[in-house]
Amino acid sequence: MIMKNGKKINNEEYKEKEEFLNKSKLKERGWTESMIKKILEHPDRKVPNPIYKSASPMMLYSMARIKKAELSEDFQIYKKKAEKRSRTMKEISASKKEKLLSQIDLMEFKIRVISMDALLNNAVRNYNDFHESKSIEFEKYDFIPISKNSEREFLERIMVNYVRHKLTRYDSHLEILAGKIGVHEAVLKIKCRILDEISKSYPELEPECNNQKQNAV
């Protein structure tokens, strides 16, 4: 029997009342996978995965044992090393991101210029062709063709999109960024720079370019 709060409880009842943490909660307290293996070594309980029944059992660790381990010298040493590694990795990531963004400043973004009439015709045709193919592929895909007489604001949006994807190397630039640290910020920077160039090449579309820049940030 075990005494708790002045009351006697049996071992099984104590195990049910005792607090346990899974690995995710442990990591929130500063533990790493390596620290869990080296210090706690083995879980105190294994329970079925509450989300995926076919997944491996969830490993649980006694809060009492966790607190005791966190007071040990080994834990403090491992934690300091882990924190140092984390800081180093963040510094490396920040440096790589800064370098990537600096490279974008040196890029040249050339815009192929065509007449506004040709641009409108191409943008409308490209939009209709794309959505028509979608409607063929997916039976329930609703598609109403547009024309040069559709809402002007909408037409200017697809014209800017057409220039960006068809009359620049925008997509090629994005492919180069794949998998690099800082890709999200880099994509936004490239998009905004290209929109600036589109504004210069097609002054009539400057309001729409500015609108897309605001929505991109």
N, C-alpha and C. Protein backbone atom coordinates (compact mmCIF):
# COMPACT_ATOMS: atom_id res chain seq x y z
N MET A 1 0.83 -1.20 0.00
CA MET A 1 0.00 0.00 0.00
C MET A 1 0.88 1.27 0.00
N ILE A 2 0.34 2.34 -0.59
CA ILE A 2 1.06 3.62 -0.67
C ILE A 2 0.22 4.69 -0.01
N MET A 3 0.88 5.56 0.78
CA MET A 3 0.19 6.66 1.43
C MET A 3 0.25 7.90 0.53
N LYS A 4 -0.90 8.53 0.28
CA LYS A 4 -0.94 9.75 -0.50
C LYS A 4 -2.02 10.66 0.07
N ASN A 5 -1.60 11.89 0.44
CA ASN A 5 -2.54 12.84 1.05
C ASN A 5 -3.23 12.25 2.28
N GLY A 6 -2.46 11.42 3.03
CA GLY A 6 -3.00 10.85 4.26
C GLY A 6 -3.91 9.65 4.04
N LYS A 7 -4.06 9.22 2.75
CA LYS A 7 -4.94 8.08 2.47
C LYS A 7 -4.14 6.93 1.88
N LYS A 8 -4.60 5.73 2.19
CA LYS A 8 -3.94 4.54 1.66
C LYS A 8 -4.55 4.19 0.29
N ILE A 9 -3.68 4.01 -0.71
CA ILE A 9 -4.17 3.56 -2.01
C ILE A 9 -3.27 2.43 -2.48
N ASN A 10 -3.83 1.49 -3.25
CA ASN A 10 -3.01 0.36 -3.71
C ASN A 10 -2.15 0.79 -4.89
N ASN A 11 -1.20 -0.05 -5.27
CA ASN A 11 -0.23 0.29 -6.32
C ASN A 11 -0.88 0.60 -7.66
N GLU A 12 -1.90 -0.20 -8.03
CA GLU A 12 -2.56 -0.01 -9.32
C GLU A 12 -3.30 1.32 -9.36
N GLU A 13 -3.94 1.67 -8.27
CA GLU A 13 -4.67 2.93 -8.20
C GLU A 13 -3.70 4.10 -8.26
N TYR A 14 -2.55 3.93 -7.64
CA TYR A 14 -1.53 4.98 -7.66
C TYR A 14 -1.03 5.24 -9.08
N LYS A 15 -0.84 4.15 -9.83
CA LYS A 15 -0.36 4.28 -11.21
C LYS A 15 -1.36 5.04 -12.07
N GLU A 16 -2.65 4.82 -11.80
CA GLU A 16 -3.68 5.51 -12.57
C GLU A 16 -3.71 7.00 -12.25
N LYS A 17 -3.45 7.34 -10.97
CA LYS A 17 -3.51 8.74 -10.55
C LYS A 17 -2.23 9.49 -10.86
N GLU A 18 -1.13 8.77 -10.98
CA GLU A 18 0.16 9.42 -11.22
C GLU A 18 0.17 10.11 -12.58
N GLU A 19 0.83 11.26 -12.64
CA GLU A 19 0.88 12.02 -13.88
C GLU A 19 1.99 11.50 -14.78
N PHE A 20 1.68 11.41 -16.08
CA PHE A 20 2.65 10.93 -17.06
C PHE A 20 2.73 11.93 -18.22
N LEU A 21 3.90 12.03 -18.84
CA LEU A 21 4.09 12.88 -20.00
C LEU A 21 4.56 12.06 -21.19
N ASN A 22 4.10 12.44 -22.40
CA ASN A 22 4.62 11.78 -23.59
C ASN A 22 5.86 12.54 -24.08
N LYS A 23 6.47 12.09 -25.17
CA LYS A 23 7.71 12.69 -25.64
C LYS A 23 7.53 14.15 -26.06
N SER A 24 6.39 14.45 -26.65
CA SER A 24 6.14 15.83 -27.08
C SER A 24 6.17 16.79 -25.91
N LYS A 25 5.52 16.40 -24.82
CA LYS A 25 5.50 17.23 -23.62
C LYS A 25 6.88 17.33 -22.99
N LEU A 26 7.63 16.24 -23.05
CA LEU A 26 9.00 16.26 -22.52
C LEU A 26 9.85 17.27 -23.29
N LYS A 27 9.70 17.28 -24.61
CA LYS A 27 10.50 18.19 -25.44
C LYS A 27 10.14 19.64 -25.18
N GLU A 28 8.89 19.88 -24.80
CA GLU A 28 8.48 21.24 -24.43
C GLU A 28 9.20 21.70 -23.16
N ARG A 29 9.64 20.75 -22.34
CA ARG A 29 10.35 21.06 -21.09
C ARG A 29 11.86 21.16 -21.31
N GLY A 30 12.32 20.98 -22.56
CA GLY A 30 13.74 21.10 -22.84
C GLY A 30 14.46 19.80 -23.09
N TRP A 31 13.72 18.69 -23.07
CA TRP A 31 14.34 17.39 -23.33
C TRP A 31 14.52 17.20 -24.83
N THR A 32 15.54 16.42 -25.21
CA THR A 32 15.73 16.03 -26.60
C THR A 32 15.57 14.53 -26.69
N GLU A 33 15.47 14.02 -27.91
CA GLU A 33 15.34 12.57 -28.10
C GLU A 33 16.51 11.84 -27.48
N SER A 34 17.71 12.39 -27.68
CA SER A 34 18.91 11.77 -27.13
C SER A 34 18.90 11.78 -25.60
N MET A 35 18.46 12.89 -24.99
CA MET A 35 18.40 13.00 -23.53
C MET A 35 17.41 11.99 -22.95
N ILE A 36 16.29 11.81 -23.63
CA ILE A 36 15.28 10.86 -23.15
C ILE A 36 15.87 9.45 -23.12
N LYS A 37 16.58 9.09 -24.18
CA LYS A 37 17.18 7.75 -24.26
C LYS A 37 18.28 7.55 -23.22
N LYS A 38 19.13 8.57 -23.05
CA LYS A 38 20.28 8.42 -22.17
C LYS A 38 19.93 8.54 -20.69
N ILE A 39 18.96 9.40 -20.36
CA ILE A 39 18.67 9.64 -18.94
C ILE A 39 17.47 8.82 -18.45
N LEU A 40 16.36 8.90 -19.17
CA LEU A 40 15.17 8.15 -18.74
C LEU A 40 15.22 6.70 -19.20
N GLU A 41 15.94 6.46 -20.30
CA GLU A 41 16.19 5.13 -20.86
C GLU A 41 14.94 4.43 -21.37
N HIS A 42 13.95 4.20 -20.53
CA HIS A 42 12.77 3.43 -20.95
C HIS A 42 11.50 4.12 -20.45
N PRO A 43 10.38 3.96 -21.14
CA PRO A 43 9.12 4.57 -20.69
C PRO A 43 8.57 3.84 -19.47
N ASP A 44 7.74 4.52 -18.73
CA ASP A 44 7.10 3.91 -17.56
C ASP A 44 5.78 3.24 -17.93
N ARG A 45 5.20 3.70 -19.03
CA ARG A 45 3.96 3.09 -19.50
C ARG A 45 3.91 3.15 -21.02
N LYS A 46 3.19 2.20 -21.61
CA LYS A 46 2.91 2.21 -23.05
C LYS A 46 1.41 2.09 -23.23
N VAL A 47 0.84 3.03 -23.97
CA VAL A 47 -0.61 3.02 -24.19
C VAL A 47 -0.88 3.08 -25.68
N PRO A 48 -2.04 2.59 -26.13
CA PRO A 48 -2.39 2.64 -27.56
C PRO A 48 -2.44 4.08 -28.06
N ASN A 49 -2.02 4.28 -29.29
CA ASN A 49 -2.07 5.62 -29.88
C ASN A 49 -3.52 6.08 -29.97
N PRO A 50 -3.85 7.24 -29.37
CA PRO A 50 -5.24 7.70 -29.33
C PRO A 50 -5.80 8.16 -30.67
N ILE A 51 -4.90 8.42 -31.63
CA ILE A 51 -5.36 8.92 -32.94
C ILE A 51 -5.34 7.83 -34.00
N TYR A 52 -4.21 7.12 -34.09
CA TYR A 52 -4.08 6.06 -35.08
C TYR A 52 -3.91 4.71 -34.38
N LYS A 53 -4.91 3.87 -34.48
CA LYS A 53 -4.86 2.58 -33.79
C LYS A 53 -3.74 1.68 -34.28
N SER A 54 -3.40 1.81 -35.57
CA SER A 54 -2.37 0.95 -36.14
C SER A 54 -0.95 1.45 -35.85
N ALA A 55 -0.84 2.67 -35.31
CA ALA A 55 0.48 3.25 -35.02
C ALA A 55 1.11 2.60 -33.79
N SER A 56 2.38 2.85 -33.60
CA SER A 56 3.10 2.30 -32.45
C SER A 56 2.51 2.88 -31.16
N PRO A 57 2.62 2.12 -30.06
CA PRO A 57 2.09 2.61 -28.78
C PRO A 57 2.74 3.92 -28.37
N MET A 58 2.02 4.72 -27.60
CA MET A 58 2.56 5.97 -27.10
C MET A 58 3.38 5.71 -25.84
N MET A 59 4.58 6.26 -25.81
CA MET A 59 5.48 6.09 -24.67
C MET A 59 5.20 7.18 -23.63
N LEU A 60 4.98 6.78 -22.39
CA LEU A 60 4.70 7.74 -21.33
C LEU A 60 5.74 7.63 -20.22
N TYR A 61 6.08 8.77 -19.65
CA TYR A 61 7.13 8.82 -18.63
C TYR A 61 6.58 9.46 -17.35
N SER A 62 6.89 8.84 -16.25
CA SER A 62 6.40 9.29 -14.95
C SER A 62 6.89 10.69 -14.62
N MET A 63 5.96 11.55 -14.22
CA MET A 63 6.32 12.92 -13.86
C MET A 63 7.26 12.95 -12.67
N ALA A 64 7.05 12.03 -11.74
CA ALA A 64 7.92 11.97 -10.57
C ALA A 64 9.35 11.66 -10.98
N ARG A 65 9.51 10.73 -11.91
CA ARG A 65 10.85 10.35 -12.36
C ARG A 65 11.46 11.47 -13.22
N ILE A 66 10.62 12.17 -13.98
CA ILE A 66 11.09 13.28 -14.81
C ILE A 66 11.66 14.38 -13.92
N LYS A 67 10.90 14.77 -12.89
CA LYS A 67 11.35 15.85 -12.01
C LYS A 67 12.64 15.49 -11.30
N LYS A 68 12.74 14.24 -10.90
CA LYS A 68 13.97 13.79 -10.22
C LYS A 68 15.15 13.85 -11.18
N ALA A 69 14.92 13.43 -12.44
CA ALA A 69 16.00 13.43 -13.44
C ALA A 69 16.44 14.86 -13.75
N GLU A 70 15.48 15.78 -13.78
CA GLU A 70 15.79 17.17 -14.13
C GLU A 70 16.65 17.86 -13.06
N LEU A 71 16.71 17.30 -11.91
CA LEU A 71 17.56 17.85 -10.85
C LEU A 71 18.97 17.27 -10.89
N SER A 72 19.16 16.27 -11.75
CA SER A 72 20.47 15.60 -11.80
C SER A 72 21.49 16.43 -12.58
N GLU A 73 22.76 16.18 -12.29
CA GLU A 73 23.85 16.88 -12.97
C GLU A 73 23.90 16.51 -14.45
N ASP A 74 23.63 15.22 -14.75
CA ASP A 74 23.65 14.76 -16.15
C ASP A 74 22.65 15.55 -16.99
N PHE A 75 21.45 15.76 -16.44
CA PHE A 75 20.41 16.47 -17.20
C PHE A 75 20.87 17.89 -17.50
N GLN A 76 21.44 18.58 -16.50
CA GLN A 76 21.87 19.96 -16.69
C GLN A 76 22.97 20.06 -17.75
N ILE A 77 23.88 19.09 -17.75
CA ILE A 77 24.98 19.08 -18.73
C ILE A 77 24.42 18.87 -20.14
N TYR A 78 23.55 17.85 -20.29
CA TYR A 78 22.96 17.56 -21.59
C TYR A 78 22.11 18.73 -22.09
N LYS A 79 21.38 19.35 -21.17
CA LYS A 79 20.50 20.46 -21.55
C LYS A 79 21.31 21.64 -22.07
N LYS A 80 22.41 21.97 -21.39
CA LYS A 80 23.25 23.08 -21.82
C LYS A 80 23.84 22.81 -23.21
N LYS A 81 24.26 21.55 -23.43
CA LYS A 81 24.80 21.19 -24.75
C LYS A 81 23.73 21.30 -25.83
N ALA A 82 22.50 20.85 -25.50
CA ALA A 82 21.39 20.91 -26.46
C ALA A 82 21.04 22.35 -26.79
N GLU A 83 21.03 23.21 -25.77
CA GLU A 83 20.72 24.63 -25.98
C GLU A 83 21.78 25.29 -26.84
N LYS A 84 23.04 24.91 -26.63
CA LYS A 84 24.13 25.47 -27.42
C LYS A 84 24.00 25.05 -28.88
N ARG A 85 23.68 23.76 -29.12
CA ARG A 85 23.48 23.26 -30.48
C ARG A 85 22.32 24.00 -31.15
N SER A 86 21.26 24.20 -30.38
CA SER A 86 20.08 24.89 -30.93
C SER A 86 20.42 26.32 -31.34
N ARG A 87 21.17 27.03 -30.50
CA ARG A 87 21.57 28.39 -30.83
C ARG A 87 22.44 28.42 -32.09
N THR A 88 23.36 27.45 -32.17
CA THR A 88 24.26 27.38 -33.33
C THR A 88 23.47 27.14 -34.61
N MET A 89 22.50 26.22 -34.55
CA MET A 89 21.68 25.91 -35.72
C MET A 89 20.85 27.12 -36.14
N LYS A 90 20.33 27.86 -35.17
CA LYS A 90 19.55 29.06 -35.49
C LYS A 90 20.42 30.11 -36.15
N GLU A 91 21.66 30.24 -35.66
CA GLU A 91 22.58 31.22 -36.24
C GLU A 91 22.94 30.83 -37.68
N ILE A 92 23.15 29.54 -37.90
CA ILE A 92 23.47 29.06 -39.25
C ILE A 92 22.29 29.29 -40.19
N SER A 93 21.08 28.99 -39.69
CA SER A 93 19.87 29.18 -40.50
C SER A 93 19.68 30.66 -40.86
N ALA A 94 19.89 31.53 -39.86
CA ALA A 94 19.73 32.96 -40.09
C ALA A 94 20.74 33.47 -41.12
N SER A 95 21.96 32.93 -41.05
CA SER A 95 23.01 33.33 -41.98
C SER A 95 22.67 32.88 -43.41
N LYS A 96 22.17 31.65 -43.54
CA LYS A 96 21.81 31.13 -44.87
C LYS A 96 20.63 31.91 -45.45
N LYS A 97 19.67 32.25 -44.59
CA LYS A 97 18.51 33.02 -45.05
C LYS A 97 18.96 34.40 -45.55
N GLU A 98 19.82 35.04 -44.78
CA GLU A 98 20.32 36.37 -45.15
C GLU A 98 21.08 36.32 -46.47
N LYS A 99 21.86 35.27 -46.65
CA LYS A 99 22.63 35.12 -47.88
C LYS A 99 21.69 34.92 -49.07
N LEU A 100 20.65 34.11 -48.89
CA LEU A 100 19.69 33.85 -49.96
C LEU A 100 18.97 35.13 -50.37
N LEU A 101 18.52 35.90 -49.38
CA LEU A 101 17.80 37.14 -49.66
C LEU A 101 18.72 38.17 -50.33
N SER A 102 19.99 38.14 -49.97
CA SER A 102 20.96 39.06 -50.59
C SER A 102 21.16 38.71 -52.06
N GLN A 103 21.14 37.41 -52.37
CA GLN A 103 21.29 36.97 -53.76
C GLN A 103 20.14 37.47 -54.63
N ILE A 104 18.95 37.54 -54.04
CA ILE A 104 17.77 38.00 -54.79
C ILE A 104 17.95 39.46 -55.19
N ASP A 105 18.62 40.25 -54.33
CA ASP A 105 18.86 41.66 -54.64
C ASP A 105 19.70 41.82 -55.91
N LEU A 106 20.52 40.80 -56.21
CA LEU A 106 21.41 40.87 -57.37
C LEU A 106 20.78 40.29 -58.63
N MET A 107 19.60 39.67 -58.49
CA MET A 107 18.95 39.06 -59.65
C MET A 107 18.38 40.12 -60.59
N GLU A 108 18.36 39.77 -61.88
CA GLU A 108 17.72 40.63 -62.87
C GLU A 108 16.40 39.98 -63.27
N PHE A 109 15.35 40.77 -63.26
CA PHE A 109 14.03 40.25 -63.62
C PHE A 109 13.57 40.95 -64.89
N LYS A 110 13.70 40.25 -66.01
CA LYS A 110 13.31 40.82 -67.30
C LYS A 110 11.86 40.48 -67.62
N ILE A 111 11.15 41.46 -68.13
CA ILE A 111 9.74 41.30 -68.48
C ILE A 111 9.60 41.41 -70.00
N ARG A 112 9.00 40.40 -70.61
CA ARG A 112 8.74 40.48 -72.05
C ARG A 112 7.50 41.34 -72.26
N VAL A 113 7.62 42.33 -73.11
CA VAL A 113 6.53 43.28 -73.32
C VAL A 113 5.80 42.98 -74.61
N ILE A 114 4.47 42.90 -74.52
CA ILE A 114 3.60 42.76 -75.69
C ILE A 114 2.51 43.83 -75.57
N SER A 115 1.73 43.99 -76.61
CA SER A 115 0.69 45.02 -76.56
C SER A 115 -0.38 44.65 -75.53
N MET A 116 -1.07 45.64 -75.03
CA MET A 116 -2.12 45.40 -74.03
C MET A 116 -3.24 44.55 -74.61
N ASP A 117 -3.56 44.74 -75.88
CA ASP A 117 -4.61 43.93 -76.52
C ASP A 117 -4.18 42.47 -76.58
N ALA A 118 -2.93 42.24 -76.99
CA ALA A 118 -2.43 40.87 -77.07
C ALA A 118 -2.37 40.24 -75.68
N LEU A 119 -1.97 41.04 -74.70
CA LEU A 119 -1.89 40.54 -73.32
C LEU A 119 -3.27 40.15 -72.82
N LEU A 120 -4.26 40.98 -73.08
CA LEU A 120 -5.63 40.67 -72.64
C LEU A 120 -6.13 39.40 -73.30
N ASN A 121 -5.94 39.29 -74.62
CA ASN A 121 -6.39 38.09 -75.34
C ASN A 121 -5.70 36.84 -74.81
N ASN A 122 -4.39 36.92 -74.59
CA ASN A 122 -3.64 35.76 -74.11
C ASN A 122 -4.06 35.36 -72.70
N ALA A 123 -4.27 36.37 -71.84
CA ALA A 123 -4.66 36.08 -70.45
C ALA A 123 -6.02 35.42 -70.39
N VAL A 124 -6.97 35.92 -71.19
CA VAL A 124 -8.31 35.34 -71.22
C VAL A 124 -8.26 33.91 -71.75
N ARG A 125 -7.54 33.71 -72.85
CA ARG A 125 -7.44 32.37 -73.43
C ARG A 125 -6.75 31.40 -72.47
N ASN A 126 -5.68 31.86 -71.84
CA ASN A 126 -4.95 31.00 -70.90
C ASN A 126 -5.84 30.60 -69.71
N TYR A 127 -6.58 31.57 -69.19
CA TYR A 127 -7.49 31.30 -68.07
C TYR A 127 -8.55 30.28 -68.47
N ASN A 128 -9.19 30.49 -69.63
CA ASN A 128 -10.25 29.58 -70.08
C ASN A 128 -9.71 28.18 -70.38
N ASP A 129 -8.54 28.11 -71.00
CA ASP A 129 -7.95 26.80 -71.32
C ASP A 129 -7.65 26.02 -70.04
N PHE A 130 -7.10 26.72 -69.05
CA PHE A 130 -6.74 26.05 -67.79
C PHE A 130 -7.98 25.50 -67.10
N HIS A 131 -9.01 26.32 -66.97
CA HIS A 131 -10.20 25.90 -66.25
C HIS A 131 -11.05 24.92 -67.05
N GLU A 132 -10.97 25.00 -68.36
CA GLU A 132 -11.68 24.02 -69.19
C GLU A 132 -11.07 22.63 -69.00
N SER A 133 -9.74 22.57 -68.92
CA SER A 133 -9.07 21.28 -68.69
C SER A 133 -9.44 20.72 -67.34
N LYS A 134 -9.61 21.62 -66.34
CA LYS A 134 -10.03 21.20 -65.00
C LYS A 134 -11.44 20.62 -65.04
N SER A 135 -12.32 21.26 -65.82
CA SER A 135 -13.71 20.80 -65.88
C SER A 135 -13.81 19.44 -66.57
N ILE A 136 -12.89 19.17 -67.48
CA ILE A 136 -12.86 17.86 -68.14
C ILE A 136 -12.34 16.79 -67.19
N GLU A 137 -11.34 17.18 -66.40
CA GLU A 137 -10.73 16.24 -65.45
C GLU A 137 -11.65 15.93 -64.28
N PHE A 138 -12.37 16.95 -63.81
CA PHE A 138 -13.26 16.77 -62.66
C PHE A 138 -14.69 17.09 -63.07
N GLU A 139 -15.56 16.09 -62.98
CA GLU A 139 -16.93 16.23 -63.47
C GLU A 139 -17.68 17.36 -62.77
N LYS A 140 -17.47 17.53 -61.47
CA LYS A 140 -18.23 18.51 -60.70
C LYS A 140 -17.55 19.87 -60.64
N TYR A 141 -16.53 20.08 -61.48
CA TYR A 141 -15.81 21.36 -61.49
C TYR A 141 -16.62 22.37 -62.29
N ASP A 142 -17.16 23.37 -61.62
CA ASP A 142 -17.97 24.39 -62.28
C ASP A 142 -17.07 25.44 -62.93
N PHE A 143 -17.34 25.70 -64.20
CA PHE A 143 -16.50 26.66 -64.92
C PHE A 143 -17.35 27.45 -65.90
N ILE A 144 -17.29 28.76 -65.78
CA ILE A 144 -17.98 29.66 -66.71
C ILE A 144 -16.91 30.45 -67.45
N PRO A 145 -16.77 30.27 -68.76
CA PRO A 145 -15.74 30.98 -69.53
C PRO A 145 -15.85 32.49 -69.36
N ILE A 146 -14.72 33.16 -69.37
CA ILE A 146 -14.70 34.62 -69.29
C ILE A 146 -14.43 35.19 -70.69
N SER A 147 -14.57 36.48 -70.81
CA SER A 147 -14.30 37.15 -72.08
C SER A 147 -13.61 38.48 -71.82
N LYS A 148 -13.29 39.17 -72.92
CA LYS A 148 -12.64 40.49 -72.78
C LYS A 148 -13.59 41.53 -72.18
N ASN A 149 -14.86 41.16 -72.07
CA ASN A 149 -15.85 42.07 -71.50
C ASN A 149 -16.18 41.76 -70.04
N SER A 150 -15.44 40.82 -69.48
CA SER A 150 -15.66 40.48 -68.06
C SER A 150 -15.25 41.66 -67.19
N GLU A 151 -15.47 41.54 -65.90
CA GLU A 151 -15.16 42.63 -64.97
C GLU A 151 -13.70 43.05 -65.11
N ARG A 152 -13.48 44.35 -65.25
CA ARG A 152 -12.14 44.87 -65.53
C ARG A 152 -11.15 44.53 -64.42
N GLU A 153 -11.57 44.65 -63.18
CA GLU A 153 -10.67 44.36 -62.06
C GLU A 153 -10.18 42.92 -62.12
N PHE A 154 -11.10 42.02 -62.45
CA PHE A 154 -10.73 40.61 -62.57
C PHE A 154 -9.77 40.40 -63.74
N LEU A 155 -10.05 41.05 -64.87
CA LEU A 155 -9.20 40.91 -66.05
C LEU A 155 -7.79 41.41 -65.78
N GLU A 156 -7.68 42.53 -65.06
CA GLU A 156 -6.34 43.04 -64.75
C GLU A 156 -5.57 42.08 -63.85
N ARG A 157 -6.29 41.39 -62.96
CA ARG A 157 -5.63 40.43 -62.09
C ARG A 157 -5.06 39.26 -62.89
N ILE A 158 -5.85 38.73 -63.83
CA ILE A 158 -5.33 37.59 -64.59
C ILE A 158 -4.28 38.04 -65.61
N MET A 159 -4.33 39.32 -66.03
CA MET A 159 -3.29 39.83 -66.92
C MET A 159 -1.95 39.91 -66.19
N VAL A 160 -1.97 40.41 -64.97
CA VAL A 160 -0.74 40.47 -64.18
C VAL A 160 -0.22 39.05 -63.93
N ASN A 161 -1.12 38.14 -63.59
CA ASN A 161 -0.71 36.75 -63.35
C ASN A 161 -0.12 36.14 -64.61
N TYR A 162 -0.69 36.46 -65.75
CA TYR A 162 -0.19 35.93 -67.02
C TYR A 162 1.23 36.43 -67.28
N VAL A 163 1.44 37.73 -67.09
CA VAL A 163 2.79 38.29 -67.29
C VAL A 163 3.77 37.61 -66.36
N ARG A 164 3.38 37.48 -65.10
CA ARG A 164 4.29 36.91 -64.09
C ARG A 164 4.70 35.48 -64.43
N HIS A 165 3.75 34.68 -64.86
CA HIS A 165 4.04 33.26 -65.11
C HIS A 165 4.50 32.95 -66.54
N LYS A 166 4.07 33.78 -67.50
CA LYS A 166 4.35 33.46 -68.90
C LYS A 166 5.38 34.38 -69.55
N LEU A 167 5.51 35.60 -69.05
CA LEU A 167 6.40 36.55 -69.71
C LEU A 167 7.61 36.93 -68.86
N THR A 168 7.85 36.16 -67.79
CA THR A 168 9.05 36.33 -66.97
C THR A 168 9.60 34.94 -66.64
N ARG A 169 10.72 34.90 -65.93
CA ARG A 169 11.29 33.62 -65.49
C ARG A 169 10.91 33.35 -64.04
N TYR A 170 9.76 33.88 -63.64
CA TYR A 170 9.29 33.76 -62.25
C TYR A 170 9.30 32.31 -61.76
N ASP A 171 8.68 31.41 -62.52
CA ASP A 171 8.60 30.01 -62.09
C ASP A 171 9.98 29.36 -62.02
N SER A 172 10.86 29.73 -62.92
CA SER A 172 12.23 29.18 -62.90
C SER A 172 12.97 29.64 -61.65
N HIS A 173 12.76 30.90 -61.28
CA HIS A 173 13.39 31.43 -60.07
C HIS A 173 12.91 30.66 -58.84
N LEU A 174 11.62 30.35 -58.81
CA LEU A 174 11.07 29.63 -57.65
C LEU A 174 11.62 28.22 -57.56
N GLU A 175 11.85 27.58 -58.69
CA GLU A 175 12.40 26.22 -58.69
C GLU A 175 13.78 26.19 -58.06
N ILE A 176 14.56 27.25 -58.28
CA ILE A 176 15.91 27.33 -57.72
C ILE A 176 15.87 27.39 -56.19
N LEU A 177 14.78 27.96 -55.65
CA LEU A 177 14.67 28.15 -54.20
C LEU A 177 14.25 26.89 -53.45
N ALA A 178 13.75 25.90 -54.15
CA ALA A 178 13.18 24.72 -53.50
C ALA A 178 14.15 24.10 -52.48
N GLY A 179 13.65 23.91 -51.26
CA GLY A 179 14.42 23.23 -50.22
C GLY A 179 15.42 24.10 -49.50
N LYS A 180 15.54 25.37 -49.86
CA LYS A 180 16.53 26.23 -49.22
C LYS A 180 15.95 26.91 -47.99
N ILE A 181 16.83 27.20 -47.03
CA ILE A 181 16.40 27.90 -45.81
C ILE A 181 16.04 29.34 -46.16
N GLY A 182 14.85 29.77 -45.68
CA GLY A 182 14.39 31.11 -45.98
C GLY A 182 13.58 31.19 -47.25
N VAL A 183 13.12 30.04 -47.74
CA VAL A 183 12.40 29.99 -49.02
C VAL A 183 11.13 30.84 -49.00
N HIS A 184 10.41 30.84 -47.88
CA HIS A 184 9.15 31.58 -47.82
C HIS A 184 9.40 33.08 -48.03
N GLU A 185 10.35 33.64 -47.29
CA GLU A 185 10.67 35.05 -47.43
C GLU A 185 11.22 35.35 -48.82
N ALA A 186 12.01 34.40 -49.36
CA ALA A 186 12.60 34.59 -50.69
C ALA A 186 11.54 34.62 -51.78
N VAL A 187 10.55 33.74 -51.67
CA VAL A 187 9.46 33.71 -52.65
C VAL A 187 8.71 35.05 -52.65
N LEU A 188 8.41 35.56 -51.46
CA LEU A 188 7.71 36.83 -51.36
C LEU A 188 8.54 37.97 -51.96
N LYS A 189 9.84 37.93 -51.71
CA LYS A 189 10.72 38.99 -52.21
C LYS A 189 10.78 38.96 -53.73
N ILE A 190 10.91 37.76 -54.30
CA ILE A 190 10.95 37.63 -55.76
C ILE A 190 9.64 38.09 -56.37
N LYS A 191 8.53 37.68 -55.77
CA LYS A 191 7.22 38.06 -56.30
C LYS A 191 7.06 39.57 -56.30
N CYS A 192 7.44 40.21 -55.20
CA CYS A 192 7.29 41.67 -55.10
C CYS A 192 8.20 42.40 -56.08
N ARG A 193 9.41 41.88 -56.27
CA ARG A 193 10.33 42.52 -57.21
C ARG A 193 9.82 42.40 -58.64
N ILE A 194 9.27 41.23 -58.98
CA ILE A 194 8.73 41.04 -60.32
C ILE A 194 7.50 41.91 -60.54
N LEU A 195 6.67 42.04 -59.51
CA LEU A 195 5.50 42.91 -59.63
C LEU A 195 5.91 44.35 -59.85
N ASP A 196 7.02 44.76 -59.23
CA ASP A 196 7.54 46.12 -59.46
C ASP A 196 7.96 46.29 -60.92
N GLU A 197 8.60 45.26 -61.47
CA GLU A 197 9.05 45.33 -62.86
C GLU A 197 7.86 45.32 -63.82
N ILE A 198 6.83 44.56 -63.47
CA ILE A 198 5.62 44.54 -64.31
C ILE A 198 4.99 45.92 -64.33
N SER A 199 4.98 46.58 -63.19
CA SER A 199 4.43 47.94 -63.10
C SER A 199 5.16 48.89 -64.05
N LYS A 200 6.48 48.73 -64.14
CA LYS A 200 7.27 49.60 -65.02
C LYS A 200 7.01 49.30 -66.49
N SER A 201 6.88 48.02 -66.80
CA SER A 201 6.70 47.61 -68.20
C SER A 201 5.26 47.79 -68.67
N TYR A 202 4.33 47.65 -67.74
CA TYR A 202 2.90 47.80 -68.06
C TYR A 202 2.28 48.78 -67.05
N PRO A 203 2.49 50.08 -67.24
CA PRO A 203 2.00 51.08 -66.27
C PRO A 203 0.50 50.98 -66.00
N GLU A 204 -0.27 50.53 -67.01
CA GLU A 204 -1.72 50.41 -66.82
C GLU A 204 -2.07 49.40 -65.73
N LEU A 205 -1.15 48.47 -65.46
CA LEU A 205 -1.41 47.42 -64.48
C LEU A 205 -0.79 47.71 -63.11
N GLU A 206 -0.24 48.90 -62.94
CA GLU A 206 0.41 49.23 -61.68
C GLU A 206 -0.51 49.10 -60.46
N PRO A 207 -1.78 49.59 -60.53
CA PRO A 207 -2.66 49.43 -59.36
C PRO A 207 -2.86 47.98 -58.96
N GLU A 208 -3.02 47.10 -59.96
CA GLU A 208 -3.20 45.68 -59.64
C GLU A 208 -1.92 45.08 -59.08
N CYS A 209 -0.78 45.50 -59.60
CA CYS A 209 0.51 45.01 -59.08
C CYS A 209 0.67 45.42 -57.61
N ASN A 210 0.32 46.65 -57.31
CA ASN A 210 0.42 47.13 -55.92
C ASN A 210 -0.54 46.36 -55.03
N ASN A 211 -1.72 46.05 -55.54
CA ASN A 211 -2.69 45.29 -54.77
C ASN A 211 -2.17 43.89 -54.46
N GLN A 212 -1.55 43.25 -55.45
CA GLN A 212 -1.00 41.91 -55.23
C GLN A 212 0.19 41.94 -54.27
N LYS A 213 0.97 43.01 -54.30
CA LYS A 213 2.08 43.14 -53.36
C LYS A 213 1.56 43.25 -51.92
N GLN A 214 0.51 44.02 -51.74
CA GLN A 214 -0.06 44.18 -50.40
C GLN A 214 -0.61 42.87 -49.88
N ASN A 215 -1.25 42.11 -50.74
CA ASN A 215 -1.82 40.82 -50.33
C ASN A 215 -0.76 39.76 -50.11
N ALA A 216 0.41 39.96 -50.73
CA ALA A 216 1.47 38.95 -50.61
C ALA A 216 2.21 39.06 -49.29
N VAL A 217 2.24 40.23 -48.72
CA VAL A 217 3.02 40.45 -47.48
C VAL A 217 2.25 39.91 -46.27
